[in-house]
Amino acid sequence: MPREAPEPPLFLPPGNAFAVLLDESRLSQLIEALSGRTDLRMLFVVTDARESFKELSGELEDALGPQNPGLQIVQLYRDYLENFMINREPTGHARPGQGSGPSAVRGGGQP
């Protein structure tokens, strides 16, 4: 997703057995979008609020769990995810010496 693009409220990649709720207020939209699915394995809820996660996960389990045995609902902390963006340039590339390319393997481009 381009850096300038607004964050979507839901992430539902086609052909995958997971979904991500990025905006807590869109729970009903997520449930509606996943209604009838029987292949779900993981649902990720992005929130820093533990009580909110408990409430949301209960609603998700009630709505989608019966059709998806073994469904796991996992909390992702927004603050934690945003930390991954700190060391990134606007283009989305890691800063020199912090990436995973050949220069990072050789010690930041040193011969």
C-alpha atoms as a PDB file:
ATOM      1  CA  MET A   1       0.000   0.000   0.000  1.00  0.00           C
ATOM      2  CA  PRO A   2       1.449   3.416  -0.895  1.00  0.00           C
ATOM      3  CA  ARG A   3       2.594   5.459   2.089  1.00  0.00           C
ATOM      4  CA  GLU A   4       0.303   8.355   1.128  1.00  0.00           C
ATOM      5  CA  ALA A   5      -2.762   6.111   1.002  1.00  0.00           C
ATOM      6  CA  PRO A   6      -5.081   6.301   3.991  1.00  0.00           C
ATOM      7  CA  GLU A   7      -5.159   3.256   6.230  1.00  0.00           C
ATOM      8  CA  PRO A   8      -8.115   1.053   5.313  1.00  0.00           C
ATOM      9  CA  PRO A   9     -10.516   0.118   8.127  1.00  0.00           C
ATOM     10  CA  LEU A  10     -10.266  -3.579   7.156  1.00  0.00           C
ATOM     11  CA  PHE A  11      -7.682  -5.726   5.447  1.00  0.00           C
ATOM     12  CA  LEU A  12      -9.208  -8.751   3.711  1.00  0.00           C
ATOM     13  CA  PRO A  13      -6.674 -10.208   1.275  1.00  0.00           C
ATOM     14  CA  PRO A  14      -8.436 -12.447  -1.262  1.00  0.00           C
ATOM     15  CA  GLY A  15      -7.628 -16.134  -1.057  1.00  0.00           C
ATOM     16  CA  ASN A  16      -6.228 -15.923   2.485  1.00  0.00           C
ATOM     17  CA  ALA A  17      -7.538 -17.430   5.705  1.00  0.00           C
ATOM     18  CA  PHE A  18      -7.008 -14.279   7.766  1.00  0.00           C
ATOM     19  CA  ALA A  19      -8.410 -10.776   8.091  1.00  0.00           C
ATOM     20  CA  VAL A  20      -7.407  -7.636   9.975  1.00  0.00           C
ATOM     21  CA  LEU A  21      -9.694  -5.130  11.697  1.00  0.00           C
ATOM     22  CA  LEU A  22      -7.795  -1.835  11.732  1.00  0.00           C
ATOM     23  CA  ASP A  23     -10.683   0.398  12.839  1.00  0.00           C
ATOM     24  CA  GLU A  24     -12.646  -0.846  15.845  1.00  0.00           C
ATOM     25  CA  SER A  25     -15.746   1.084  14.765  1.00  0.00           C
ATOM     26  CA  ARG A  26     -15.977  -1.086  11.630  1.00  0.00           C
ATOM     27  CA  LEU A  27     -16.612  -4.376  13.430  1.00  0.00           C
ATOM     28  CA  SER A  28     -20.041  -4.865  11.845  1.00  0.00           C
ATOM     29  CA  GLN A  29     -18.535  -4.221   8.393  1.00  0.00           C
ATOM     30  CA  LEU A  30     -15.900  -6.899   9.035  1.00  0.00           C
ATOM     31  CA  ILE A  31     -18.491  -9.423  10.217  1.00  0.00           C
ATOM     32  CA  GLU A  32     -20.653  -8.714   7.178  1.00  0.00           C
ATOM     33  CA  ALA A  33     -17.691  -9.053   4.795  1.00  0.00           C
ATOM     34  CA  LEU A  34     -16.689 -12.407   6.335  1.00  0.00           C
ATOM     35  CA  SER A  35     -20.205 -13.792   6.744  1.00  0.00           C
ATOM     36  CA  GLY A  36     -20.493 -17.222   5.151  1.00  0.00           C
ATOM     37  CA  ARG A  37     -16.739 -17.863   5.157  1.00  0.00           C
ATOM     38  CA  THR A  38     -15.726 -21.268   6.481  1.00  0.00           C
ATOM     39  CA  ASP A  39     -11.975 -21.105   5.858  1.00  0.00           C
ATOM     40  CA  LEU A  40     -10.945 -18.460   8.397  1.00  0.00           C
ATOM     41  CA  ARG A  41      -8.042 -19.346  10.683  1.00  0.00           C
ATOM     42  CA  MET A  42      -6.903 -15.985  12.105  1.00  0.00           C
ATOM     43  CA  LEU A  43      -8.481 -12.627  12.810  1.00  0.00           C
ATOM     44  CA  PHE A  44      -6.284  -9.769  13.932  1.00  0.00           C
ATOM     45  CA  VAL A  45      -7.751  -6.837  15.849  1.00  0.00           C
ATOM     46  CA  VAL A  46      -5.574  -3.710  15.974  1.00  0.00           C
ATOM     47  CA  THR A  47      -6.140  -1.878  19.253  1.00  0.00           C
ATOM     48  CA  ASP A  48      -4.177  -0.794  22.292  1.00  0.00           C
ATOM     49  CA  ALA A  49      -7.202  -1.178  24.596  1.00  0.00           C
ATOM     50  CA  ARG A  50      -7.363  -4.595  26.271  1.00  0.00           C
ATOM     51  CA  GLU A  51     -11.028  -4.219  27.298  1.00  0.00           C
ATOM     52  CA  SER A  52     -12.002  -3.215  23.780  1.00  0.00           C
ATOM     53  CA  PHE A  53     -10.196  -6.255  22.402  1.00  0.00           C
ATOM     54  CA  LYS A  54     -12.058  -8.555  24.806  1.00  0.00           C
ATOM     55  CA  GLU A  55     -15.404  -7.142  23.704  1.00  0.00           C
ATOM     56  CA  LEU A  56     -14.575  -7.216  19.994  1.00  0.00           C
ATOM     57  CA  SER A  57     -13.127 -10.727  20.107  1.00  0.00           C
ATOM     58  CA  GLY A  58     -16.244 -11.993  21.894  1.00  0.00           C
ATOM     59  CA  GLU A  59     -18.462 -10.549  19.180  1.00  0.00           C
ATOM     60  CA  LEU A  60     -16.251 -11.974  16.449  1.00  0.00           C
ATOM     61  CA  GLU A  61     -16.223 -15.402  18.076  1.00  0.00           C
ATOM     62  CA  ASP A  62     -20.024 -15.391  18.373  1.00  0.00           C
ATOM     63  CA  ALA A  63     -20.543 -14.256  14.775  1.00  0.00           C
ATOM     64  CA  LEU A  64     -17.812 -16.185  12.938  1.00  0.00           C
ATOM     65  CA  GLY A  65     -16.553 -18.914  15.264  1.00  0.00           C
ATOM     66  CA  PRO A  66     -19.314 -21.479  14.681  1.00  0.00           C
ATOM     67  CA  GLN A  67     -18.586 -21.612  10.928  1.00  0.00           C
ATOM     68  CA  ASN A  68     -14.816 -21.498  11.453  1.00  0.00           C
ATOM     69  CA  PRO A  69     -13.737 -24.117  14.021  1.00  0.00           C
ATOM     70  CA  GLY A  70     -10.356 -23.330  15.562  1.00  0.00           C
ATOM     71  CA  LEU A  71     -10.583 -19.632  14.663  1.00  0.00           C
ATOM     72  CA  GLN A  72      -7.939 -17.642  16.547  1.00  0.00           C
ATOM     73  CA  ILE A  73      -8.484 -13.965  17.352  1.00  0.00           C
ATOM     74  CA  VAL A  74      -5.303 -12.050  18.113  1.00  0.00           C
ATOM     75  CA  GLN A  75      -4.736  -8.545  19.444  1.00  0.00           C
ATOM     76  CA  LEU A  76      -2.164  -6.421  17.627  1.00  0.00           C
ATOM     77  CA  TYR A  77      -1.090  -3.331  19.518  1.00  0.00           C
ATOM     78  CA  ARG A  78      -1.230  -0.234  17.296  1.00  0.00           C
ATOM     79  CA  ASP A  79       1.674   1.371  19.182  1.00  0.00           C
ATOM     80  CA  TYR A  80       3.804  -1.699  18.511  1.00  0.00           C
ATOM     81  CA  LEU A  81       2.964  -1.714  14.798  1.00  0.00           C
ATOM     82  CA  GLU A  82       3.681   1.997  14.452  1.00  0.00           C
ATOM     83  CA  ASN A  83       7.184   1.446  15.867  1.00  0.00           C
ATOM     84  CA  PHE A  84       8.030  -0.400  12.648  1.00  0.00           C
ATOM     85  CA  MET A  85       7.507   2.828  10.720  1.00  0.00           C
ATOM     86  CA  ILE A  86       9.992   4.897  12.745  1.00  0.00           C
ATOM     87  CA  ASN A  87      13.123   3.747  10.882  1.00  0.00           C
ATOM     88  CA  ARG A  88      11.658   3.966   7.397  1.00  0.00           C
ATOM     89  CA  GLU A  89      12.233   6.614   4.778  1.00  0.00           C
ATOM     90  CA  PRO A  90       9.215   8.183   3.019  1.00  0.00           C
ATOM     91  CA  THR A  91       9.780   5.849   0.046  1.00  0.00           C
ATOM     92  CA  GLY A  92       9.226   2.844   2.294  1.00  0.00           C
ATOM     93  CA  HIS A  93      12.857   1.722   2.192  1.00  0.00           C
ATOM     94  CA  ALA A  94      14.796   1.158   5.368  1.00  0.00           C
ATOM     95  CA  ARG A  95      17.527   3.618   6.221  1.00  0.00           C
ATOM     96  CA  PRO A  96      21.035   2.578   5.172  1.00  0.00           C
ATOM     97  CA  GLY A  97      22.519   0.057   7.588  1.00  0.00           C
ATOM     98  CA  GLN A  98      19.086  -0.872   8.963  1.00  0.00           C
ATOM     99  CA  GLY A  99      17.683  -2.778   6.029  1.00  0.00           C
ATOM    100  CA  SER A 100      17.893  -6.410   5.099  1.00  0.00           C
ATOM    101  CA  GLY A 101      19.708  -6.075   1.776  1.00  0.00           C
ATOM    102  CA  PRO A 102      23.279  -7.097   0.939  1.00  0.00           C
ATOM    103  CA  SER A 103      24.776  -3.983   2.548  1.00  0.00           C
ATOM    104  CA  ALA A 104      23.090  -4.855   5.871  1.00  0.00           C
ATOM    105  CA  VAL A 105      24.504  -8.376   5.701  1.00  0.00           C
ATOM    106  CA  ARG A 106      28.010  -7.068   5.088  1.00  0.00           C
ATOM    107  CA  GLY A 107      27.824  -4.575   7.939  1.00  0.00           C
ATOM    108  CA  GLY A 108      26.217  -1.461   6.459  1.00  0.00           C
ATOM    109  CA  GLY A 109      28.041  -1.510   3.136  1.00  0.00           C
ATOM    110  CA  GLN A 110      31.550  -1.785   4.578  1.00  0.00           C
ATOM    111  CA  PRO A 111      33.861  -4.049   2.518  1.00  0.00           C
END
